[in-house]
C-alpha atoms as a PDB file:
ATOM      1  CA  UNK A   1     109.063  84.999  98.861  1.00  0.00           C
ATOM      2  CA  UNK A   2     110.046  86.110 102.351  1.00  0.00           C
ATOM      3  CA  UNK A   3     108.576  84.267 105.310  1.00  0.00           C
ATOM      4  CA  UNK A   4     108.001  85.854 108.711  1.00  0.00           C
ATOM      5  CA  UNK A   5     107.161  84.593 112.230  1.00  0.00           C
ATOM      6  CA  UNK A   6     103.539  83.810 113.005  1.00  0.00           C
ATOM      7  CA  UNK A   7     101.446  82.636 115.959  1.00  0.00           C
ATOM      8  CA  UNK A   8      99.404  79.467 116.359  1.00  0.00           C
ATOM      9  CA  UNK A   9      98.301  80.259 119.933  1.00  0.00           C
ATOM     10  CA  UNK A  10      97.374  83.488 121.714  1.00  0.00           C
ATOM     11  CA  UNK A  11      98.433  84.742 125.153  1.00  0.00           C
ATOM     12  CA  UNK A  12      97.027  87.742 127.073  1.00  0.00           C
ATOM     13  CA  UNK A  13     100.496  89.307 127.267  1.00  0.00           C
ATOM     14  CA  UNK A  14     100.412  89.863 123.497  1.00  0.00           C
ATOM     15  CA  UNK A  15      97.675  92.458 123.973  1.00  0.00           C
ATOM     16  CA  UNK A  16      99.325  94.514 126.715  1.00  0.00           C
ATOM     17  CA  UNK A  17     100.227  98.204 126.310  1.00  0.00           C
ATOM     18  CA  UNK A  18      99.461  98.609 122.570  1.00  0.00           C
ATOM     19  CA  UNK A  19      96.345  98.411 120.451  1.00  0.00           C
ATOM     20  CA  UNK A  20      96.626  95.026 118.753  1.00  0.00           C
ATOM     21  CA  UNK A  21      95.592  94.049 115.229  1.00  0.00           C
ATOM     22  CA  UNK A  22      96.256  90.910 113.191  1.00  0.00           C
ATOM     23  CA  UNK A  23      95.932  89.055 109.927  1.00  0.00           C
ATOM     24  CA  UNK A  24      94.503  85.524 109.985  1.00  0.00           C
ATOM     25  CA  UNK A  25      95.342  82.983 107.301  1.00  0.00           C
ATOM     26  CA  UNK A  26      96.724  79.513 106.602  1.00  0.00           C
ATOM     27  CA  UNK A  27      99.493  79.725 105.533  1.00  0.00           C
ATOM     28  CA  UNK A  28     100.307  83.229 106.788  1.00  0.00           C
ATOM     29  CA  UNK A  29     104.099  83.440 107.093  1.00  0.00           C
ATOM     30  CA  UNK A  30     104.381  85.254 103.750  1.00  0.00           C
ATOM     31  CA  UNK A  31     101.895  88.017 104.632  1.00  0.00           C
ATOM     32  CA  UNK A  32     103.015  91.622 104.172  1.00  0.00           C
ATOM     33  CA  UNK A  33     100.033  92.973 106.110  1.00  0.00           C
ATOM     34  CA  UNK A  34     102.014  93.782 109.290  1.00  0.00           C
ATOM     35  CA  UNK A  35     104.544  95.763 107.258  1.00  0.00           C
ATOM     36  CA  UNK A  36     101.741  97.673 105.521  1.00  0.00           C
ATOM     37  CA  UNK A  37      99.758  98.519 108.644  1.00  0.00           C
ATOM     38  CA  UNK A  38     102.810  99.583 110.619  1.00  0.00           C
ATOM     39  CA  UNK A  39     103.723 101.991 107.814  1.00  0.00           C
ATOM     40  CA  UNK A  40     100.211 103.456 107.881  1.00  0.00           C
ATOM     41  CA  UNK A  41     100.404 103.760 111.682  1.00  0.00           C
ATOM     42  CA  UNK A  42     103.690 105.650 111.399  1.00  0.00           C
ATOM     43  CA  UNK A  43     102.116 108.046 108.904  1.00  0.00           C
ATOM     44  CA  UNK A  44      99.446 109.074 111.420  1.00  0.00           C
ATOM     45  CA  UNK A  45     101.805 108.770 114.418  1.00  0.00           C
ATOM     46  CA  UNK A  46     100.136 105.856 116.166  1.00  0.00           C
ATOM     47  CA  UNK A  47     101.917 103.020 117.916  1.00  0.00           C
ATOM     48  CA  UNK A  48     100.255  99.664 117.224  1.00  0.00           C
ATOM     49  CA  UNK A  49     101.008  95.965 117.357  1.00  0.00           C
ATOM     50  CA  UNK A  50     100.085  93.851 114.331  1.00  0.00           C
ATOM     51  CA  UNK A  51     100.375  90.046 114.404  1.00  0.00           C
ATOM     52  CA  UNK A  52     100.352  87.198 111.902  1.00  0.00           C
ATOM     53  CA  UNK A  53      98.047  84.446 113.187  1.00  0.00           C
ATOM     54  CA  UNK A  54      97.758  80.984 111.664  1.00  0.00           C
ATOM     55  CA  UNK A  55      94.869  78.992 113.144  1.00  0.00           C
ATOM     56  CA  UNK A  56      94.428  75.327 112.355  1.00  0.00           C
ATOM     57  CA  UNK A  57      92.124  74.849 109.389  1.00  0.00           C
ATOM     58  CA  UNK A  58      89.241  73.983 111.710  1.00  0.00           C
ATOM     59  CA  UNK A  59      90.195  76.418 114.473  1.00  0.00           C
ATOM     60  CA  UNK A  60      89.597  79.820 112.904  1.00  0.00           C
ATOM     61  CA  UNK A  61      86.288  80.658 114.611  1.00  0.00           C
ATOM     62  CA  UNK A  62      87.583  79.861 118.085  1.00  0.00           C
ATOM     63  CA  UNK A  63      90.810  81.787 117.547  1.00  0.00           C
ATOM     64  CA  UNK A  64      89.129  84.878 116.104  1.00  0.00           C
ATOM     65  CA  UNK A  65      86.708  84.908 119.042  1.00  0.00           C
ATOM     66  CA  UNK A  66      89.635  84.586 121.464  1.00  0.00           C
ATOM     67  CA  UNK A  67      91.515  87.384 119.690  1.00  0.00           C
ATOM     68  CA  UNK A  68      88.715  89.890 120.309  1.00  0.00           C
ATOM     69  CA  UNK A  69      88.036  88.587 123.828  1.00  0.00           C
ATOM     70  CA  UNK A  70      91.680  89.307 124.721  1.00  0.00           C
ATOM     71  CA  UNK A  71      91.412  92.869 123.438  1.00  0.00           C
ATOM     72  CA  UNK A  72      92.114  92.673 119.710  1.00  0.00           C
ATOM     73  CA  UNK A  73      90.940  95.788 117.863  1.00  0.00           C
ATOM     74  CA  UNK A  74      90.675  94.585 114.267  1.00  0.00           C
ATOM     75  CA  UNK A  75      91.533  91.657 112.009  1.00  0.00           C
ATOM     76  CA  UNK A  76      92.298  91.159 108.354  1.00  0.00           C
ATOM     77  CA  UNK A  77      91.230  87.783 106.971  1.00  0.00           C
ATOM     78  CA  UNK A  78      92.858  85.998 104.061  1.00  0.00           C
ATOM     79  CA  UNK A  79      92.774  82.570 102.419  1.00  0.00           C
ATOM     80  CA  UNK A  80      91.161  80.208 103.371  1.00  0.00           C
ATOM     81  CA  UNK A  81      89.053  81.900 106.063  1.00  0.00           C
ATOM     82  CA  UNK A  82      87.099  84.642 104.237  1.00  0.00           C
ATOM     83  CA  UNK A  83      83.905  82.575 104.019  1.00  0.00           C
ATOM     84  CA  UNK A  84      84.270  81.485 107.673  1.00  0.00           C
ATOM     85  CA  UNK A  85      84.547  85.146 108.673  1.00  0.00           C
ATOM     86  CA  UNK A  86      81.480  85.972 106.589  1.00  0.00           C
ATOM     87  CA  UNK A  87      79.462  83.351 108.462  1.00  0.00           C
ATOM     88  CA  UNK A  88      80.714  84.520 111.876  1.00  0.00           C
ATOM     89  CA  UNK A  89      79.960  88.228 111.501  1.00  0.00           C
ATOM     90  CA  UNK A  90      76.663  89.491 112.902  1.00  0.00           C
ATOM     91  CA  UNK A  91      76.781  92.715 110.906  1.00  0.00           C
ATOM     92  CA  UNK A  92      77.893  92.853 107.270  1.00  0.00           C
ATOM     93  CA  UNK A  93      78.528  95.728 104.895  1.00  0.00           C
ATOM     94  CA  UNK A  94      76.590  95.664 101.631  1.00  0.00           C
ATOM     95  CA  UNK A  95      79.748  94.896  99.662  1.00  0.00           C
ATOM     96  CA  UNK A  96      80.572  92.003 102.009  1.00  0.00           C
ATOM     97  CA  UNK A  97      77.103  90.564 101.385  1.00  0.00           C
ATOM     98  CA  UNK A  98      77.535  90.830  97.628  1.00  0.00           C
ATOM     99  CA  UNK A  99      81.051  89.387  97.774  1.00  0.00           C
ATOM    100  CA  UNK A 100      79.920  86.515  99.981  1.00  0.00           C
ATOM    101  CA  UNK A 101      83.186  86.877 101.885  1.00  0.00           C
ATOM    102  CA  UNK A 102      84.778  89.030 104.595  1.00  0.00           C
ATOM    103  CA  UNK A 103      88.376  90.214 104.771  1.00  0.00           C
ATOM    104  CA  UNK A 104      88.060  92.919 107.461  1.00  0.00           C
ATOM    105  CA  UNK A 105      86.585  92.366 110.942  1.00  0.00           C
ATOM    106  CA  UNK A 106      86.090  94.580 114.000  1.00  0.00           C
ATOM    107  CA  UNK A 107      83.799  94.691 117.025  1.00  0.00           C
ATOM    108  CA  UNK A 108      81.002  97.142 117.695  1.00  0.00           C
ATOM    109  CA  UNK A 109      79.134  96.859 121.006  1.00  0.00           C
ATOM    110  CA  UNK A 110      80.183  93.240 121.300  1.00  0.00           C
ATOM    111  CA  UNK A 111      79.087  92.258 117.798  1.00  0.00           C
ATOM    112  CA  UNK A 112      81.469  91.135 115.066  1.00  0.00           C
ATOM    113  CA  UNK A 113      81.244  93.395 112.013  1.00  0.00           C
ATOM    114  CA  UNK A 114      82.563  92.411 108.596  1.00  0.00           C
ATOM    115  CA  UNK A 115      83.493  94.196 105.388  1.00  0.00           C
ATOM    116  CA  UNK A 116      85.134  93.220 102.117  1.00  0.00           C
ATOM    117  CA  UNK A 117      87.645  95.821 100.959  1.00  0.00           C
ATOM    118  CA  UNK A 118      89.242  93.810  98.125  1.00  0.00           C
ATOM    119  CA  UNK A 119      87.245  95.254  95.249  1.00  0.00           C
ATOM    120  CA  UNK A 120      87.455  98.825  96.496  1.00  0.00           C
ATOM    121  CA  UNK A 121      91.214  98.337  96.872  1.00  0.00           C
ATOM    122  CA  UNK A 122      91.459  97.095  93.293  1.00  0.00           C
ATOM    123  CA  UNK A 123      89.522 100.065  91.930  1.00  0.00           C
ATOM    124  CA  UNK A 124      91.649 102.504  93.939  1.00  0.00           C
ATOM    125  CA  UNK A 125      94.839 100.971  92.541  1.00  0.00           C
ATOM    126  CA  UNK A 126      93.541 100.914  88.966  1.00  0.00           C
ATOM    127  CA  UNK A 127      92.515 104.565  89.112  1.00  0.00           C
ATOM    128  CA  UNK A 128      95.806 105.611  90.702  1.00  0.00           C
ATOM    129  CA  UNK A 129      97.623 103.975  87.787  1.00  0.00           C
ATOM    130  CA  UNK A 130      95.490 105.787  85.239  1.00  0.00           C
ATOM    131  CA  UNK A 131      93.465 102.797  84.076  1.00  0.00           C
ATOM    132  CA  UNK A 132      90.167 103.770  82.444  1.00  0.00           C
ATOM    133  CA  UNK A 133      87.114 102.009  83.887  1.00  0.00           C
ATOM    134  CA  UNK A 134      84.230 104.380  83.204  1.00  0.00           C
ATOM    135  CA  UNK A 135      82.624 103.619  79.806  1.00  0.00           C
ATOM    136  CA  UNK A 136      85.322 100.993  79.129  1.00  0.00           C
ATOM    137  CA  UNK A 137      85.022  97.398  77.968  1.00  0.00           C
ATOM    138  CA  UNK A 138      86.257  95.354  80.924  1.00  0.00           C
ATOM    139  CA  UNK A 139      86.992  91.632  81.094  1.00  0.00           C
ATOM    140  CA  UNK A 140      87.304  89.618  84.308  1.00  0.00           C
ATOM    141  CA  UNK A 141      88.924  86.202  83.938  1.00  0.00           C
ATOM    142  CA  UNK A 142      87.688  83.744  86.544  1.00  0.00           C
ATOM    143  CA  UNK A 143      84.395  83.353  88.396  1.00  0.00           C
ATOM    144  CA  UNK A 144      85.518  82.282  91.862  1.00  0.00           C
ATOM    145  CA  UNK A 145      85.572  84.147  95.148  1.00  0.00           C
ATOM    146  CA  UNK A 146      88.168  86.673  93.992  1.00  0.00           C
ATOM    147  CA  UNK A 147      85.970  87.703  91.059  1.00  0.00           C
ATOM    148  CA  UNK A 148      82.853  87.916  93.176  1.00  0.00           C
ATOM    149  CA  UNK A 149      84.662  90.282  95.537  1.00  0.00           C
ATOM    150  CA  UNK A 150      85.593  92.814  92.835  1.00  0.00           C
ATOM    151  CA  UNK A 151      82.468  92.996  90.656  1.00  0.00           C
ATOM    152  CA  UNK A 152      80.400  95.405  92.776  1.00  0.00           C
ATOM    153  CA  UNK A 153      83.100  98.130  93.042  1.00  0.00           C
ATOM    154  CA  UNK A 154      83.851  97.798  89.321  1.00  0.00           C
ATOM    155  CA  UNK A 155      80.163  98.191  88.437  1.00  0.00           C
ATOM    156  CA  UNK A 156      79.947 101.391  90.491  1.00  0.00           C
ATOM    157  CA  UNK A 157      82.582 102.877  88.135  1.00  0.00           C
ATOM    158  CA  UNK A 158      80.075 102.412  85.280  1.00  0.00           C
ATOM    159  CA  UNK A 159      82.058 100.608  82.598  1.00  0.00           C
ATOM    160  CA  UNK A 160      80.284 100.208  79.256  1.00  0.00           C
ATOM    161  CA  UNK A 161      80.450  96.402  79.406  1.00  0.00           C
ATOM    162  CA  UNK A 162      81.705  93.964  81.996  1.00  0.00           C
ATOM    163  CA  UNK A 163      82.422  90.464  80.741  1.00  0.00           C
ATOM    164  CA  UNK A 164      83.035  87.563  83.107  1.00  0.00           C
ATOM    165  CA  UNK A 165      84.827  84.639  81.459  1.00  0.00           C
ATOM    166  CA  UNK A 166      85.467  81.358  83.202  1.00  0.00           C
ATOM    167  CA  UNK A 167      86.609  77.862  82.334  1.00  0.00           C
ATOM    168  CA  UNK A 168      83.030  76.716  82.896  1.00  0.00           C
ATOM    169  CA  UNK A 169      80.262  78.973  81.579  1.00  0.00           C
ATOM    170  CA  UNK A 170      77.845  78.088  84.382  1.00  0.00           C
ATOM    171  CA  UNK A 171      79.896  79.731  87.140  1.00  0.00           C
ATOM    172  CA  UNK A 172      80.291  82.905  85.092  1.00  0.00           C
ATOM    173  CA  UNK A 173      76.560  82.963  84.398  1.00  0.00           C
ATOM    174  CA  UNK A 174      75.796  82.555  88.116  1.00  0.00           C
ATOM    175  CA  UNK A 175      77.742  85.752  88.820  1.00  0.00           C
ATOM    176  CA  UNK A 176      75.898  87.587  86.062  1.00  0.00           C
ATOM    177  CA  UNK A 177      72.578  86.586  87.611  1.00  0.00           C
ATOM    178  CA  UNK A 178      73.773  87.638  91.067  1.00  0.00           C
ATOM    179  CA  UNK A 179      74.915  91.097  89.964  1.00  0.00           C
ATOM    180  CA  UNK A 180      72.438  91.778  87.145  1.00  0.00           C
ATOM    181  CA  UNK A 181      70.230  94.183  89.090  1.00  0.00           C
ATOM    182  CA  UNK A 182      73.232  96.224  90.223  1.00  0.00           C
ATOM    183  CA  UNK A 183      74.579  96.280  86.664  1.00  0.00           C
ATOM    184  CA  UNK A 184      71.222  97.505  85.372  1.00  0.00           C
ATOM    185  CA  UNK A 185      71.153 100.191  88.058  1.00  0.00           C
ATOM    186  CA  UNK A 186      74.512 101.518  86.846  1.00  0.00           C
ATOM    187  CA  UNK A 187      73.745 101.109  83.138  1.00  0.00           C
ATOM    188  CA  UNK A 188      76.353  98.384  82.593  1.00  0.00           C
ATOM    189  CA  UNK A 189      75.964  95.500  80.163  1.00  0.00           C
ATOM    190  CA  UNK A 190      76.957  92.362  82.096  1.00  0.00           C
ATOM    191  CA  UNK A 191      77.944  89.324  80.031  1.00  0.00           C
ATOM    192  CA  UNK A 192      78.976  85.749  80.878  1.00  0.00           C
ATOM    193  CA  UNK A 193      81.288  83.656  78.728  1.00  0.00           C
ATOM    194  CA  UNK A 194      83.445  80.567  78.830  1.00  0.00           C
ATOM    195  CA  UNK A 195      87.175  80.846  78.190  1.00  0.00           C
ATOM    196  CA  UNK A 196      86.725  78.601  75.160  1.00  0.00           C
ATOM    197  CA  UNK A 197      84.578  81.266  73.496  1.00  0.00           C
ATOM    198  CA  UNK A 198      87.577  83.585  73.314  1.00  0.00           C
ATOM    199  CA  UNK A 199      89.107  82.521  70.025  1.00  0.00           C
ATOM    200  CA  UNK A 200      89.198  84.102  66.582  1.00  0.00           C
ATOM    201  CA  UNK A 201      86.005  86.063  67.206  1.00  0.00           C
ATOM    202  CA  UNK A 202      86.958  87.372  70.644  1.00  0.00           C
ATOM    203  CA  UNK A 203      86.454  91.111  71.192  1.00  0.00           C
ATOM    204  CA  UNK A 204      89.239  93.293  72.552  1.00  0.00           C
ATOM    205  CA  UNK A 205      89.148  94.989  75.941  1.00  0.00           C
ATOM    206  CA  UNK A 206      90.773  98.125  77.269  1.00  0.00           C
ATOM    207  CA  UNK A 207      90.985  96.570  80.754  1.00  0.00           C
ATOM    208  CA  UNK A 208      91.573  92.865  81.422  1.00  0.00           C
ATOM    209  CA  UNK A 209      91.688  91.578  85.007  1.00  0.00           C
ATOM    210  CA  UNK A 210      92.961  88.095  85.836  1.00  0.00           C
ATOM    211  CA  UNK A 211      91.120  86.963  88.954  1.00  0.00           C
ATOM    212  CA  UNK A 212      91.603  83.265  88.236  1.00  0.00           C
ATOM    213  CA  UNK A 213      94.021  81.008  90.097  1.00  0.00           C
ATOM    214  CA  UNK A 214      96.041  80.381  86.938  1.00  0.00           C
ATOM    215  CA  UNK A 215      98.736  82.865  87.923  1.00  0.00           C
ATOM    216  CA  UNK A 216      99.492  80.894  91.053  1.00  0.00           C
ATOM    217  CA  UNK A 217     100.303  77.876  88.886  1.00  0.00           C
ATOM    218  CA  UNK A 218     102.402  79.766  86.320  1.00  0.00           C
ATOM    219  CA  UNK A 219      99.660  79.455  83.719  1.00  0.00           C
ATOM    220  CA  UNK A 220      97.328  81.846  81.928  1.00  0.00           C
ATOM    221  CA  UNK A 221      93.555  81.440  81.540  1.00  0.00           C
ATOM    222  CA  UNK A 222      93.952  82.746  77.973  1.00  0.00           C
ATOM    223  CA  UNK A 223      95.263  80.754  75.022  1.00  0.00           C
ATOM    224  CA  UNK A 224      97.748  82.533  72.774  1.00  0.00           C
ATOM    225  CA  UNK A 225      95.038  82.831  70.127  1.00  0.00           C
ATOM    226  CA  UNK A 226      92.624  84.398  72.579  1.00  0.00           C
ATOM    227  CA  UNK A 227      95.337  86.726  73.845  1.00  0.00           C
ATOM    228  CA  UNK A 228      95.866  88.007  70.303  1.00  0.00           C
ATOM    229  CA  UNK A 229      92.293  89.276  70.268  1.00  0.00           C
ATOM    230  CA  UNK A 230      91.556  90.135  73.916  1.00  0.00           C
ATOM    231  CA  UNK A 231      94.519  92.448  74.477  1.00  0.00           C
ATOM    232  CA  UNK A 232      94.788  95.705  72.551  1.00  0.00           C
ATOM    233  CA  UNK A 233      97.689  98.105  72.187  1.00  0.00           C
ATOM    234  CA  UNK A 234      97.479 100.715  74.929  1.00  0.00           C
ATOM    235  CA  UNK A 235      95.186  98.560  77.047  1.00  0.00           C
ATOM    236  CA  UNK A 236      95.729  97.682  80.690  1.00  0.00           C
ATOM    237  CA  UNK A 237      96.185  94.143  82.056  1.00  0.00           C
ATOM    238  CA  UNK A 238      95.988  93.545  85.799  1.00  0.00           C
ATOM    239  CA  UNK A 239      96.735  90.298  87.663  1.00  0.00           C
ATOM    240  CA  UNK A 240      95.516  89.960  91.248  1.00  0.00           C
ATOM    241  CA  UNK A 241      98.606  87.855  91.988  1.00  0.00           C
ATOM    242  CA  UNK A 242     101.497  89.949  93.267  1.00  0.00           C
ATOM    243  CA  UNK A 243     105.236  89.554  93.572  1.00  0.00           C
ATOM    244  CA  UNK A 244     105.951  88.140  90.116  1.00  0.00           C
ATOM    245  CA  UNK A 245     105.353  88.650  86.423  1.00  0.00           C
ATOM    246  CA  UNK A 246     102.771  86.020  85.503  1.00  0.00           C
ATOM    247  CA  UNK A 247     102.262  84.316  82.149  1.00  0.00           C
ATOM    248  CA  UNK A 248      99.081  86.412  81.758  1.00  0.00           C
ATOM    249  CA  UNK A 249     101.092  89.612  82.274  1.00  0.00           C
ATOM    250  CA  UNK A 250     103.730  88.465  79.794  1.00  0.00           C
ATOM    251  CA  UNK A 251     101.038  87.789  77.180  1.00  0.00           C
ATOM    252  CA  UNK A 252      99.666  91.293  77.649  1.00  0.00           C
ATOM    253  CA  UNK A 253     103.082  92.960  77.572  1.00  0.00           C
ATOM    254  CA  UNK A 254     103.941  91.231  74.304  1.00  0.00           C
ATOM    255  CA  UNK A 255     100.791  92.700  72.774  1.00  0.00           C
ATOM    256  CA  UNK A 256     101.406  96.321  73.738  1.00  0.00           C
ATOM    257  CA  UNK A 257      99.515  96.550  77.028  1.00  0.00           C
ATOM    258  CA  UNK A 258     100.516  98.177  80.251  1.00  0.00           C
ATOM    259  CA  UNK A 259     100.613  95.634  83.062  1.00  0.00           C
ATOM    260  CA  UNK A 260     100.366  95.503  86.821  1.00  0.00           C
ATOM    261  CA  UNK A 261     100.440  92.865  89.506  1.00  0.00           C
ATOM    262  CA  UNK A 262      98.151  93.030  92.542  1.00  0.00           C
ATOM    263  CA  UNK A 263     100.520  94.566  95.103  1.00  0.00           C
ATOM    264  CA  UNK A 264      98.763  97.918  94.859  1.00  0.00           C
ATOM    265  CA  UNK A 265      95.411  96.248  95.466  1.00  0.00           C
ATOM    266  CA  UNK A 266      96.868  94.590  98.583  1.00  0.00           C
ATOM    267  CA  UNK A 267      97.990  97.947  99.957  1.00  0.00           C
ATOM    268  CA  UNK A 268      94.855  99.856  98.972  1.00  0.00           C
ATOM    269  CA  UNK A 269      92.472  97.307 100.486  1.00  0.00           C
ATOM    270  CA  UNK A 270      94.560  97.397 103.671  1.00  0.00           C
ATOM    271  CA  UNK A 271      94.286 101.191 103.730  1.00  0.00           C
ATOM    272  CA  UNK A 272      90.483 100.995 103.654  1.00  0.00           C
ATOM    273  CA  UNK A 273      90.511  98.522 106.562  1.00  0.00           C
ATOM    274  CA  UNK A 274      92.995 100.681 108.477  1.00  0.00           C
ATOM    275  CA  UNK A 275      90.768 103.740 108.085  1.00  0.00           C
ATOM    276  CA  UNK A 276      87.743 101.764 109.295  1.00  0.00           C
ATOM    277  CA  UNK A 277      89.543 100.668 112.454  1.00  0.00           C
ATOM    278  CA  UNK A 278      91.269 103.958 113.248  1.00  0.00           C
ATOM    279  CA  UNK A 279      88.479 106.317 112.161  1.00  0.00           C
ATOM    280  CA  UNK A 280      90.711 108.298 109.824  1.00  0.00           C
ATOM    281  CA  UNK A 281      90.059 109.511 106.284  1.00  0.00           C
ATOM    282  CA  UNK A 282      91.818 107.720 103.445  1.00  0.00           C
ATOM    283  CA  UNK A 283      93.452 110.945 102.257  1.00  0.00           C
ATOM    284  CA  UNK A 284      95.692 110.889 105.321  1.00  0.00           C
ATOM    285  CA  UNK A 285      97.445 107.750 104.070  1.00  0.00           C
ATOM    286  CA  UNK A 286     100.173 107.724 101.422  1.00  0.00           C
ATOM    287  CA  UNK A 287      99.482 104.340  99.858  1.00  0.00           C
ATOM    288  CA  UNK A 288     101.815 104.885  96.904  1.00  0.00           C
ATOM    289  CA  UNK A 289     104.779 105.370  99.250  1.00  0.00           C
ATOM    290  CA  UNK A 290     103.972 102.077 100.967  1.00  0.00           C
ATOM    291  CA  UNK A 291     103.689 100.267  97.621  1.00  0.00           C
ATOM    292  CA  UNK A 292     107.056 101.638  96.542  1.00  0.00           C
ATOM    293  CA  UNK A 293     108.640 100.522  99.794  1.00  0.00           C
ATOM    294  CA  UNK A 294     107.209  96.991  99.503  1.00  0.00           C
ATOM    295  CA  UNK A 295     108.694  96.630  96.025  1.00  0.00           C
ATOM    296  CA  UNK A 296     112.088  96.632  97.722  1.00  0.00           C
ATOM    297  CA  UNK A 297     111.292  94.303 100.649  1.00  0.00           C
END
């Protein structure tokens, strides 16, 4: 993975002459966000500056506040600061509230505003790749923050069933309780399960999304036995991890599924943030061209 320069302190000179944006994370040297946003800016003929900023683990709030005080226009937030950003923002979008995390921040009349574009970015990428969500049986693996951030946008697509499977049943069930009213509103059956329940009697799914951390550790949340039943020929398997073929993706490929990593989600969620900051419509951005370019970076 390529690593790029990043900042641990901010100076006023960084904000001179150009509108300045940034991504905050720790670590942040691997982030492709500046490459993505500069490509979007070129598409609409705007000249911006976009920084990688790595606060200390206990210094995020002070540094984000300083960033906007110096003239920063908008910030993307990544691991491990999404909850910190959620707590700092005075105004939250409905999807940020449901996600319990913020990945996009801007100022409005001196107040910090927060949104979570992850789930909408995932749905946009899935649809662009021809994945069926409406009336489909969908499985999400994992019940952490990544899963919580994608459930609301998936429910709005009205799948037939949405299963949430996790190593521990309790965490999956907590998400079902949190999103049950929204699922009912959209006519979706929402089901919690433990990973251990996916054995010989596991149902198959036309769309399987790995939102667990297993891909980061070169593991899969599914046993080989479970994979035999969960994946179906012609189905779609999506891993939120990007930049490599994970064990989960290999399992799906071996069983006749189409696969995708999460690079498209990264670009699509960035596009939604970019449009929020620059007041442009999403149709003006060619996200697929940016994805194709990043595949060769």
